[in-house]
Amino acid sequence: MVTPEQVKTYIEQGMPCEHIELAGDGQHFQALIVSAEFRGRNRVQRHQRVYQALGERMREEVHALSMQTFTPEEWSARPGETA
């Protein structure tokens, strides 16, 4: 069974991330991802980029992934949040 830490590592290896938080139970995961690669992309395109970073693991190891995606600017503009 895949761990949240492994999924985090997979994403980090597949794309540059300024900040990432991951939680989950081995099949269902929740991610908060901050990446400059999200600039100029809508939510669907951002999610597709994360799926691309996960590659075949998305089909084979990760059964469900819910995401919150932010650019560094969006993340730093959130009240009470720091990158």
PDB file of N, CA and C in Angstrom:
ATOM      1  N   MET A   1       0.849  -1.189   0.000  1.00  0.00           N
ATOM      2  CA  MET A   1       0.000   0.000   0.000  1.00  0.00           C
ATOM      3  C   MET A   1       0.887   1.242   0.000  1.00  0.00           C
ATOM      4  N   VAL A   2       0.547   2.177  -0.836  1.00  0.00           N
ATOM      5  CA  VAL A   2       1.325   3.407  -0.968  1.00  0.00           C
ATOM      6  C   VAL A   2       1.006   4.360   0.191  1.00  0.00           C
ATOM      7  N   THR A   3       2.028   5.083   0.658  1.00  0.00           N
ATOM      8  CA  THR A   3       1.856   6.012   1.774  1.00  0.00           C
ATOM      9  C   THR A   3       1.741   7.453   1.256  1.00  0.00           C
ATOM     10  N   PRO A   4       1.187   8.356   2.067  1.00  0.00           N
ATOM     11  CA  PRO A   4       1.149   9.765   1.657  1.00  0.00           C
ATOM     12  C   PRO A   4       2.547  10.308   1.349  1.00  0.00           C
ATOM     13  N   GLU A   5       3.542   9.899   2.121  1.00  0.00           N
ATOM     14  CA  GLU A   5       4.903  10.371   1.882  1.00  0.00           C
ATOM     15  C   GLU A   5       5.414   9.917   0.515  1.00  0.00           C
ATOM     16  N   GLN A   6       5.071   8.710   0.112  1.00  0.00           N
ATOM     17  CA  GLN A   6       5.474   8.228  -1.210  1.00  0.00           C
ATOM     18  C   GLN A   6       4.796   9.038  -2.320  1.00  0.00           C
ATOM     19  N   VAL A   7       3.509   9.304  -2.171  1.00  0.00           N
ATOM     20  CA  VAL A   7       2.793  10.085  -3.180  1.00  0.00           C
ATOM     21  C   VAL A   7       3.392  11.487  -3.261  1.00  0.00           C
ATOM     22  N   LYS A   8       3.710  12.067  -2.121  1.00  0.00           N
ATOM     23  CA  LYS A   8       4.355  13.382  -2.092  1.00  0.00           C
ATOM     24  C   LYS A   8       5.668  13.337  -2.872  1.00  0.00           C
ATOM     25  N   THR A   9       6.467  12.318  -2.634  1.00  0.00           N
ATOM     26  CA  THR A   9       7.743  12.168  -3.332  1.00  0.00           C
ATOM     27  C   THR A   9       7.530  12.010  -4.831  1.00  0.00           C
ATOM     28  N   TYR A  10       6.545  11.214  -5.232  1.00  0.00           N
ATOM     29  CA  TYR A  10       6.248  11.022  -6.653  1.00  0.00           C
ATOM     30  C   TYR A  10       5.929  12.360  -7.321  1.00  0.00           C
ATOM     31  N   ILE A  11       5.096  13.168  -6.675  1.00  0.00           N
ATOM     32  CA  ILE A  11       4.728  14.465  -7.244  1.00  0.00           C
ATOM     33  C   ILE A  11       5.948  15.369  -7.328  1.00  0.00           C
ATOM     34  N   GLU A  12       6.736  15.418  -6.249  1.00  0.00           N
ATOM     35  CA  GLU A  12       7.935  16.265  -6.231  1.00  0.00           C
ATOM     36  C   GLU A  12       8.949  15.844  -7.297  1.00  0.00           C
ATOM     37  N   GLN A  13       9.036  14.568  -7.590  1.00  0.00           N
ATOM     38  CA  GLN A  13       9.954  14.089  -8.621  1.00  0.00           C
ATOM     39  C   GLN A  13       9.450  14.426 -10.020  1.00  0.00           C
ATOM     40  N   GLY A  14       8.141  14.586 -10.166  1.00  0.00           N
ATOM     41  CA  GLY A  14       7.556  14.824 -11.470  1.00  0.00           C
ATOM     42  C   GLY A  14       7.348  16.276 -11.834  1.00  0.00           C
ATOM     43  N   MET A  15       7.442  17.168 -10.845  1.00  0.00           N
ATOM     44  CA  MET A  15       7.249  18.590 -11.127  1.00  0.00           C
ATOM     45  C   MET A  15       7.821  19.418  -9.982  1.00  0.00           C
ATOM     46  N   PRO A  16       8.264  20.642 -10.264  1.00  0.00           N
ATOM     47  CA  PRO A  16       8.783  21.488  -9.192  1.00  0.00           C
ATOM     48  C   PRO A  16       7.644  21.985  -8.299  1.00  0.00           C
ATOM     49  N   CYS A  17       7.821  21.863  -7.004  1.00  0.00           N
ATOM     50  CA  CYS A  17       6.811  22.308  -6.035  1.00  0.00           C
ATOM     51  C   CYS A  17       7.487  23.190  -4.993  1.00  0.00           C
ATOM     52  N   GLU A  18       6.889  24.332  -4.728  1.00  0.00           N
ATOM     53  CA  GLU A  18       7.390  25.203  -3.670  1.00  0.00           C
ATOM     54  C   GLU A  18       6.920  24.723  -2.300  1.00  0.00           C
ATOM     55  N   HIS A  19       5.749  24.094  -2.286  1.00  0.00           N
ATOM     56  CA  HIS A  19       5.169  23.605  -1.025  1.00  0.00           C
ATOM     57  C   HIS A  19       4.198  22.484  -1.378  1.00  0.00           C
ATOM     58  N   ILE A  20       4.198  21.450  -0.559  1.00  0.00           N
ATOM     59  CA  ILE A  20       3.247  20.360  -0.774  1.00  0.00           C
ATOM     60  C   ILE A  20       2.905  19.718   0.563  1.00  0.00           C
ATOM     61  N   GLU A  21       1.624  19.465   0.753  1.00  0.00           N
ATOM     62  CA  GLU A  21       1.127  18.744   1.929  1.00  0.00           C
ATOM     63  C   GLU A  21       0.280  17.596   1.416  1.00  0.00           C
ATOM     64  N   LEU A  22       0.450  16.425   1.990  1.00  0.00           N
ATOM     65  CA  LEU A  22      -0.296  15.264   1.537  1.00  0.00           C
ATOM     66  C   LEU A  22      -0.755  14.445   2.722  1.00  0.00           C
ATOM     67  N   ALA A  23      -1.987  13.992   2.668  1.00  0.00           N
ATOM     68  CA  ALA A  23      -2.551  13.119   3.692  1.00  0.00           C
ATOM     69  C   ALA A  23      -3.333  12.029   2.974  1.00  0.00           C
ATOM     70  N   GLY A  24      -3.553  10.926   3.647  1.00  0.00           N
ATOM     71  CA  GLY A  24      -4.338   9.869   3.025  1.00  0.00           C
ATOM     72  C   GLY A  24      -4.258   8.566   3.780  1.00  0.00           C
ATOM     73  N   ASP A  25      -5.036   7.596   3.287  1.00  0.00           N
ATOM     74  CA  ASP A  25      -5.165   6.312   3.968  1.00  0.00           C
ATOM     75  C   ASP A  25      -4.583   5.143   3.178  1.00  0.00           C
ATOM     76  N   GLY A  26      -3.814   5.430   2.128  1.00  0.00           N
ATOM     77  CA  GLY A  26      -3.241   4.368   1.323  1.00  0.00           C
ATOM     78  C   GLY A  26      -3.945   4.178  -0.005  1.00  0.00           C
ATOM     79  N   GLN A  27      -5.176   4.652  -0.123  1.00  0.00           N
ATOM     80  CA  GLN A  27      -5.915   4.583  -1.383  1.00  0.00           C
ATOM     81  C   GLN A  27      -6.476   5.946  -1.775  1.00  0.00           C
ATOM     82  N   HIS A  28      -6.949   6.696  -0.794  1.00  0.00           N
ATOM     83  CA  HIS A  28      -7.548   7.999  -1.019  1.00  0.00           C
ATOM     84  C   HIS A  28      -6.640   9.057  -0.401  1.00  0.00           C
ATOM     85  N   PHE A  29      -6.292  10.070  -1.206  1.00  0.00           N
ATOM     86  CA  PHE A  29      -5.334  11.068  -0.761  1.00  0.00           C
ATOM     87  C   PHE A  29      -5.884  12.471  -0.967  1.00  0.00           C
ATOM     88  N   GLN A  30      -5.408  13.387  -0.120  1.00  0.00           N
ATOM     89  CA  GLN A  30      -5.731  14.803  -0.236  1.00  0.00           C
ATOM     90  C   GLN A  30      -4.400  15.539  -0.326  1.00  0.00           C
ATOM     91  N   ALA A  31      -4.292  16.427  -1.318  1.00  0.00           N
ATOM     92  CA  ALA A  31      -3.042  17.145  -1.537  1.00  0.00           C
ATOM     93  C   ALA A  31      -3.281  18.644  -1.617  1.00  0.00           C
ATOM     94  N   LEU A  32      -2.344  19.381  -1.074  1.00  0.00           N
ATOM     95  CA  LEU A  32      -2.266  20.824  -1.245  1.00  0.00           C
ATOM     96  C   LEU A  32      -0.911  21.065  -1.905  1.00  0.00           C
ATOM     97  N   ILE A  33      -0.929  21.634  -3.112  1.00  0.00           N
ATOM     98  CA  ILE A  33       0.286  21.764  -3.900  1.00  0.00           C
ATOM     99  C   ILE A  33       0.454  23.204  -4.359  1.00  0.00           C
ATOM    100  N   VAL A  34       1.652  23.755  -4.133  1.00  0.00           N
ATOM    101  CA  VAL A  34       1.997  25.095  -4.590  1.00  0.00           C
ATOM    102  C   VAL A  34       3.124  24.937  -5.604  1.00  0.00           C
ATOM    103  N   SER A  35       2.879  25.410  -6.823  1.00  0.00           N
ATOM    104  CA  SER A  35       3.884  25.286  -7.879  1.00  0.00           C
ATOM    105  C   SER A  35       3.779  26.443  -8.862  1.00  0.00           C
ATOM    106  N   ALA A  36       4.929  26.934  -9.286  1.00  0.00           N
ATOM    107  CA  ALA A  36       4.966  27.977 -10.310  1.00  0.00           C
ATOM    108  C   ALA A  36       4.418  27.449 -11.636  1.00  0.00           C
ATOM    109  N   GLU A  37       4.429  26.143 -11.822  1.00  0.00           N
ATOM    110  CA  GLU A  37       3.905  25.553 -13.059  1.00  0.00           C
ATOM    111  C   GLU A  37       2.399  25.767 -13.214  1.00  0.00           C
ATOM    112  N   PHE A  38       1.730  26.173 -12.170  1.00  0.00           N
ATOM    113  CA  PHE A  38       0.287  26.404 -12.243  1.00  0.00           C
ATOM    114  C   PHE A  38      -0.058  27.791 -12.794  1.00  0.00           C
ATOM    115  N   ARG A  39       0.925  28.649 -12.927  1.00  0.00           N
ATOM    116  CA  ARG A  39       0.662  29.995 -13.452  1.00  0.00           C
ATOM    117  C   ARG A  39       0.024  29.906 -14.831  1.00  0.00           C
ATOM    118  N   GLY A  40      -1.064  30.633 -15.024  1.00  0.00           N
ATOM    119  CA  GLY A  40      -1.738  30.685 -16.316  1.00  0.00           C
ATOM    120  C   GLY A  40      -2.575  29.458 -16.637  1.00  0.00           C
ATOM    121  N   ARG A  41      -2.716  28.548 -15.691  1.00  0.00           N
ATOM    122  CA  ARG A  41      -3.509  27.334 -15.924  1.00  0.00           C
ATOM    123  C   ARG A  41      -4.762  27.365 -15.066  1.00  0.00           C
ATOM    124  N   ASN A  42      -5.868  26.844 -15.632  1.00  0.00           N
ATOM    125  CA  ASN A  42      -7.094  26.745 -14.845  1.00  0.00           C
ATOM    126  C   ASN A  42      -7.033  25.496 -13.959  1.00  0.00           C
ATOM    127  N   ARG A  43      -8.055  25.284 -13.153  1.00  0.00           N
ATOM    128  CA  ARG A  43      -8.044  24.178 -12.196  1.00  0.00           C
ATOM    129  C   ARG A  43      -7.883  22.818 -12.877  1.00  0.00           C
ATOM    130  N   VAL A  44      -8.599  22.595 -13.959  1.00  0.00           N
ATOM    131  CA  VAL A  44      -8.503  21.314 -14.664  1.00  0.00           C
ATOM    132  C   VAL A  44      -7.086  21.105 -15.188  1.00  0.00           C
ATOM    133  N   GLN A  45      -6.504  22.139 -15.785  1.00  0.00           N
ATOM    134  CA  GLN A  45      -5.140  22.030 -16.307  1.00  0.00           C
ATOM    135  C   GLN A  45      -4.125  21.788 -15.197  1.00  0.00           C
ATOM    136  N   ARG A  46      -4.342  22.384 -14.043  1.00  0.00           N
ATOM    137  CA  ARG A  46      -3.453  22.161 -12.896  1.00  0.00           C
ATOM    138  C   ARG A  46      -3.535  20.713 -12.435  1.00  0.00           C
ATOM    139  N   HIS A  47      -4.738  20.201 -12.343  1.00  0.00           N
ATOM    140  CA  HIS A  47      -4.913  18.812 -11.918  1.00  0.00           C
ATOM    141  C   HIS A  47      -4.302  17.858 -12.936  1.00  0.00           C
ATOM    142  N   GLN A  48      -4.481  18.172 -14.216  1.00  0.00           N
ATOM    143  CA  GLN A  48      -3.881  17.340 -15.253  1.00  0.00           C
ATOM    144  C   GLN A  48      -2.362  17.329 -15.128  1.00  0.00           C
ATOM    145  N   ARG A  49      -1.780  18.453 -14.754  1.00  0.00           N
ATOM    146  CA  ARG A  49      -0.313  18.527 -14.584  1.00  0.00           C
ATOM    147  C   ARG A  49       0.138  17.626 -13.447  1.00  0.00           C
ATOM    148  N   VAL A  50      -0.625  17.594 -12.356  1.00  0.00           N
ATOM    149  CA  VAL A  50      -0.279  16.713 -11.236  1.00  0.00           C
ATOM    150  C   VAL A  50      -0.442  15.250 -11.657  1.00  0.00           C
ATOM    151  N   TYR A  51      -1.519  14.933 -12.371  1.00  0.00           N
ATOM    152  CA  TYR A  51      -1.702  13.566 -12.871  1.00  0.00           C
ATOM    153  C   TYR A  51      -0.545  13.170 -13.775  1.00  0.00           C
ATOM    154  N   GLN A  52      -0.079  14.112 -14.597  1.00  0.00           N
ATOM    155  CA  GLN A  52       1.062  13.845 -15.467  1.00  0.00           C
ATOM    156  C   GLN A  52       2.302  13.534 -14.627  1.00  0.00           C
ATOM    157  N   ALA A  53       2.500  14.281 -13.551  1.00  0.00           N
ATOM    158  CA  ALA A  53       3.649  14.041 -12.668  1.00  0.00           C
ATOM    159  C   ALA A  53       3.578  12.650 -12.041  1.00  0.00           C
ATOM    160  N   LEU A  54       2.380  12.206 -11.722  1.00  0.00           N
ATOM    161  CA  LEU A  54       2.213  10.876 -11.119  1.00  0.00           C
ATOM    162  C   LEU A  54       2.320   9.761 -12.154  1.00  0.00           C
ATOM    163  N   GLY A  55       2.001  10.064 -13.395  1.00  0.00           N
ATOM    164  CA  GLY A  55       2.106   9.075 -14.465  1.00  0.00           C
ATOM    165  C   GLY A  55       1.274   7.831 -14.196  1.00  0.00           C
ATOM    166  N   GLU A  56       1.840   6.683 -14.480  1.00  0.00           N
ATOM    167  CA  GLU A  56       1.145   5.398 -14.322  1.00  0.00           C
ATOM    168  C   GLU A  56       0.766   5.111 -12.873  1.00  0.00           C
ATOM    169  N   ARG A  57       1.453   5.741 -11.935  1.00  0.00           N
ATOM    170  CA  ARG A  57       1.128   5.527 -10.518  1.00  0.00           C
ATOM    171  C   ARG A  57      -0.308   5.934 -10.210  1.00  0.00           C
ATOM    172  N   MET A  58      -0.817   6.908 -10.982  1.00  0.00           N
ATOM    173  CA  MET A  58      -2.192   7.361 -10.763  1.00  0.00           C
ATOM    174  C   MET A  58      -3.167   6.228 -11.037  1.00  0.00           C
ATOM    175  N   ARG A  59      -2.858   5.393 -11.984  1.00  0.00           N
ATOM    176  CA  ARG A  59      -3.734   4.256 -12.296  1.00  0.00           C
ATOM    177  C   ARG A  59      -3.454   3.059 -11.399  1.00  0.00           C
ATOM    178  N   GLU A  60      -2.185   2.844 -11.091  1.00  0.00           N
ATOM    179  CA  GLU A  60      -1.784   1.613 -10.423  1.00  0.00           C
ATOM    180  C   GLU A  60      -1.777   1.696  -8.899  1.00  0.00           C
ATOM    181  N   GLU A  61      -1.396   2.853  -8.348  1.00  0.00           N
ATOM    182  CA  GLU A  61      -1.204   2.943  -6.896  1.00  0.00           C
ATOM    183  C   GLU A  61      -2.148   3.915  -6.205  1.00  0.00           C
ATOM    184  N   VAL A  62      -2.467   5.015  -6.862  1.00  0.00           N
ATOM    185  CA  VAL A  62      -3.297   6.053  -6.256  1.00  0.00           C
ATOM    186  C   VAL A  62      -4.700   5.920  -6.827  1.00  0.00           C
ATOM    187  N   HIS A  63      -5.646   5.591  -5.981  1.00  0.00           N
ATOM    188  CA  HIS A  63      -7.009   5.358  -6.469  1.00  0.00           C
ATOM    189  C   HIS A  63      -7.858   6.619  -6.484  1.00  0.00           C
ATOM    190  N   ALA A  64      -7.581   7.540  -5.582  1.00  0.00           N
ATOM    191  CA  ALA A  64      -8.330   8.799  -5.537  1.00  0.00           C
ATOM    192  C   ALA A  64      -7.418   9.885  -4.977  1.00  0.00           C
ATOM    193  N   LEU A  65      -7.445  11.047  -5.626  1.00  0.00           N
ATOM    194  CA  LEU A  65      -6.617  12.172  -5.198  1.00  0.00           C
ATOM    195  C   LEU A  65      -7.424  13.450  -5.333  1.00  0.00           C
ATOM    196  N   SER A  66      -7.723  14.077  -4.208  1.00  0.00           N
ATOM    197  CA  SER A  66      -8.359  15.392  -4.254  1.00  0.00           C
ATOM    198  C   SER A  66      -7.260  16.426  -4.027  1.00  0.00           C
ATOM    199  N   MET A  67      -7.363  17.544  -4.745  1.00  0.00           N
ATOM    200  CA  MET A  67      -6.278  18.526  -4.725  1.00  0.00           C
ATOM    201  C   MET A  67      -6.763  19.942  -4.538  1.00  0.00           C
ATOM    202  N   GLN A  68      -5.936  20.699  -3.853  1.00  0.00           N
ATOM    203  CA  GLN A  68      -6.010  22.151  -3.851  1.00  0.00           C
ATOM    204  C   GLN A  68      -4.700  22.591  -4.482  1.00  0.00           C
ATOM    205  N   THR A  69      -4.773  23.403  -5.526  1.00  0.00           N
ATOM    206  CA  THR A  69      -3.565  23.823  -6.237  1.00  0.00           C
ATOM    207  C   THR A  69      -3.467  25.339  -6.254  1.00  0.00           C
ATOM    208  N   PHE A  70      -2.258  25.836  -6.011  1.00  0.00           N
ATOM    209  CA  PHE A  70      -2.016  27.276  -5.935  1.00  0.00           C
ATOM    210  C   PHE A  70      -0.715  27.628  -6.629  1.00  0.00           C
ATOM    211  N   THR A  71      -0.665  28.821  -7.215  1.00  0.00           N
ATOM    212  CA  THR A  71       0.616  29.387  -7.634  1.00  0.00           C
ATOM    213  C   THR A  71       1.273  29.936  -6.364  1.00  0.00           C
ATOM    214  N   PRO A  72       2.576  30.215  -6.401  1.00  0.00           N
ATOM    215  CA  PRO A  72       3.205  30.814  -5.213  1.00  0.00           C
ATOM    216  C   PRO A  72       2.547  32.138  -4.814  1.00  0.00           C
ATOM    217  N   GLU A  73       2.121  32.917  -5.802  1.00  0.00           N
ATOM    218  CA  GLU A  73       1.474  34.203  -5.512  1.00  0.00           C
ATOM    219  C   GLU A  73       0.118  33.994  -4.833  1.00  0.00           C
ATOM    220  N   GLU A  74      -0.663  33.043  -5.322  1.00  0.00           N
ATOM    221  CA  GLU A  74      -1.961  32.748  -4.701  1.00  0.00           C
ATOM    222  C   GLU A  74      -1.763  32.251  -3.269  1.00  0.00           C
ATOM    223  N   TRP A  75      -0.760  31.430  -3.082  1.00  0.00           N
ATOM    224  CA  TRP A  75      -0.497  30.852  -1.758  1.00  0.00           C
ATOM    225  C   TRP A  75      -0.074  31.934  -0.765  1.00  0.00           C
ATOM    226  N   SER A  76       0.822  32.816  -1.190  1.00  0.00           N
ATOM    227  CA  SER A  76       1.306  33.846  -0.269  1.00  0.00           C
ATOM    228  C   SER A  76       0.238  34.900   0.012  1.00  0.00           C
ATOM    229  N   ALA A  77      -0.750  35.033  -0.862  1.00  0.00           N
ATOM    230  CA  ALA A  77      -1.818  36.026  -0.669  1.00  0.00           C
ATOM    231  C   ALA A  77      -2.908  35.521   0.263  1.00  0.00           C
ATOM    232  N   ARG A  78      -2.889  34.227   0.612  1.00  0.00           N
ATOM    233  CA  ARG A  78      -3.924  33.685   1.493  1.00  0.00           C
ATOM    234  C   ARG A  78      -3.718  34.219   2.910  1.00  0.00           C
ATOM    235  N   PRO A  79      -4.778  34.694   3.548  1.00  0.00           N
ATOM    236  CA  PRO A  79      -4.653  35.207   4.923  1.00  0.00           C
ATOM    237  C   PRO A  79      -4.132  34.128   5.862  1.00  0.00           C
ATOM    238  N   GLY A  80      -3.101  34.470   6.610  1.00  0.00           N
ATOM    239  CA  GLY A  80      -2.572  33.562   7.623  1.00  0.00           C
ATOM    240  C   GLY A  80      -1.706  32.443   7.079  1.00  0.00           C
ATOM    241  N   GLU A  81      -1.424  32.428   5.796  1.00  0.00           N
ATOM    242  CA  GLU A  81      -0.616  31.357   5.196  1.00  0.00           C
ATOM    243  C   GLU A  81       0.762  31.895   4.846  1.00  0.00           C
ATOM    244  N   THR A  82       1.743  31.030   4.969  1.00  0.00           N
ATOM    245  CA  THR A  82       3.084  31.344   4.509  1.00  0.00           C
ATOM    246  C   THR A  82       3.599  30.173   3.690  1.00  0.00           C
ATOM    247  N   ALA A  83       4.406  30.468   2.714  1.00  0.00           N
ATOM    248  CA  ALA A  83       4.946  29.407   1.845  1.00  0.00           C
ATOM    249  C   ALA A  83       6.073  28.664   2.510  1.00  0.00           C
TER     250      ALA A  83
END
